[in-house]
């Protein structure tokens, strides 16, 4: 009975250490998720900004072409 109790105690310690490792890994992964979410938000904002710039540039170029064609006539 004493040896069985000792085996259970050792197994319990192993499981607690494994649980602690998993808990640490979960915390690391949650931190990484937060970092990736921030990266995604930053990329989204840059893409939106570039989309606005490109749209404005296209409008400017079309206006320039239109004005140039009007001046040729």
Protein backbone atom coordinates (compact mmCIF):
# COMPACT_ATOMS: atom_id res chain seq x y z
CA UNK A 1 0.00 0.00 0.00
CA UNK A 2 2.84 2.35 0.81
CA UNK A 3 4.53 1.75 -2.55
CA UNK A 4 1.27 2.39 -4.39
CA UNK A 5 0.84 5.66 -2.51
CA UNK A 6 4.43 6.61 -3.44
CA UNK A 7 3.77 5.83 -7.12
CA UNK A 8 0.62 7.96 -7.04
CA UNK A 9 2.52 10.80 -5.36
CA UNK A 10 5.29 10.65 -7.98
CA UNK A 11 2.78 10.47 -10.81
CA UNK A 12 0.91 13.42 -9.34
CA UNK A 13 4.13 15.46 -9.24
CA UNK A 14 4.86 14.55 -12.87
CA UNK A 15 1.38 15.59 -13.92
CA UNK A 16 1.62 18.86 -12.00
CA UNK A 17 4.96 19.68 -13.69
CA UNK A 18 3.45 18.81 -17.08
CA UNK A 19 0.45 20.98 -16.29
CA UNK A 20 2.75 23.88 -15.35
CA UNK A 21 4.63 23.49 -18.65
CA UNK A 22 1.36 23.51 -20.59
CA UNK A 23 0.19 26.57 -18.68
CA UNK A 24 3.43 28.40 -19.56
CA UNK A 25 3.08 27.35 -23.19
CA UNK A 26 -0.51 28.65 -23.28
CA UNK A 27 0.64 31.99 -21.88
CA UNK A 28 3.41 32.23 -24.48
CA UNK A 29 0.99 31.42 -27.27
CA UNK A 30 -1.54 33.97 -26.00
CA UNK A 31 1.21 36.61 -26.04
CA UNK A 32 2.12 35.60 -29.58
CA UNK A 33 -1.54 35.82 -30.62
CA UNK A 34 -1.77 39.35 -29.23
CA UNK A 35 1.42 40.31 -31.09
CA UNK A 36 0.07 38.84 -34.36
CA UNK A 37 -3.26 40.63 -33.90
CA UNK A 38 -1.40 43.93 -33.53
CA UNK A 39 0.70 43.15 -36.61
CA UNK A 40 -2.46 42.39 -38.58
CA UNK A 41 -4.05 45.65 -37.47
CA UNK A 42 -0.93 47.61 -38.47
CA UNK A 43 -0.86 45.91 -41.88
CA UNK A 44 -4.57 46.59 -42.39
CA UNK A 45 -4.05 50.27 -41.62
CA UNK A 46 -1.12 50.48 -44.05
CA UNK A 47 -3.15 48.76 -46.78
CA UNK A 48 -6.05 51.17 -46.24
CA UNK A 49 -3.66 54.13 -46.40
CA UNK A 50 -2.04 52.86 -49.60
CA UNK A 51 -5.47 52.22 -51.10
CA UNK A 52 -6.44 55.84 -50.48
CA UNK A 53 -3.15 57.12 -51.90
CA UNK A 54 -3.49 54.94 -55.02
CA UNK A 55 -7.11 56.02 -55.50
CA UNK A 56 -6.12 59.68 -55.23
CA UNK A 57 -3.22 59.14 -57.63
CA UNK A 58 -5.44 57.46 -60.21
CA UNK A 59 -7.96 60.30 -59.95
CA UNK A 60 -5.17 62.86 -60.38
CA UNK A 61 -3.75 61.05 -63.42
CA UNK A 62 -7.14 60.70 -65.09
CA UNK A 63 -7.82 64.39 -64.52
CA UNK A 64 -4.41 65.26 -65.99
CA UNK A 65 -5.02 63.07 -69.05
CA UNK A 66 -8.51 64.53 -69.51
CA UNK A 67 -7.22 68.12 -69.22
CA UNK A 68 -4.38 67.37 -71.62
CA UNK A 69 -6.81 65.92 -74.16
CA UNK A 70 -9.08 68.95 -73.79
CA UNK A 71 -6.13 71.26 -74.47
CA UNK A 72 -5.19 69.36 -77.63
CA UNK A 73 -8.62 69.94 -79.20
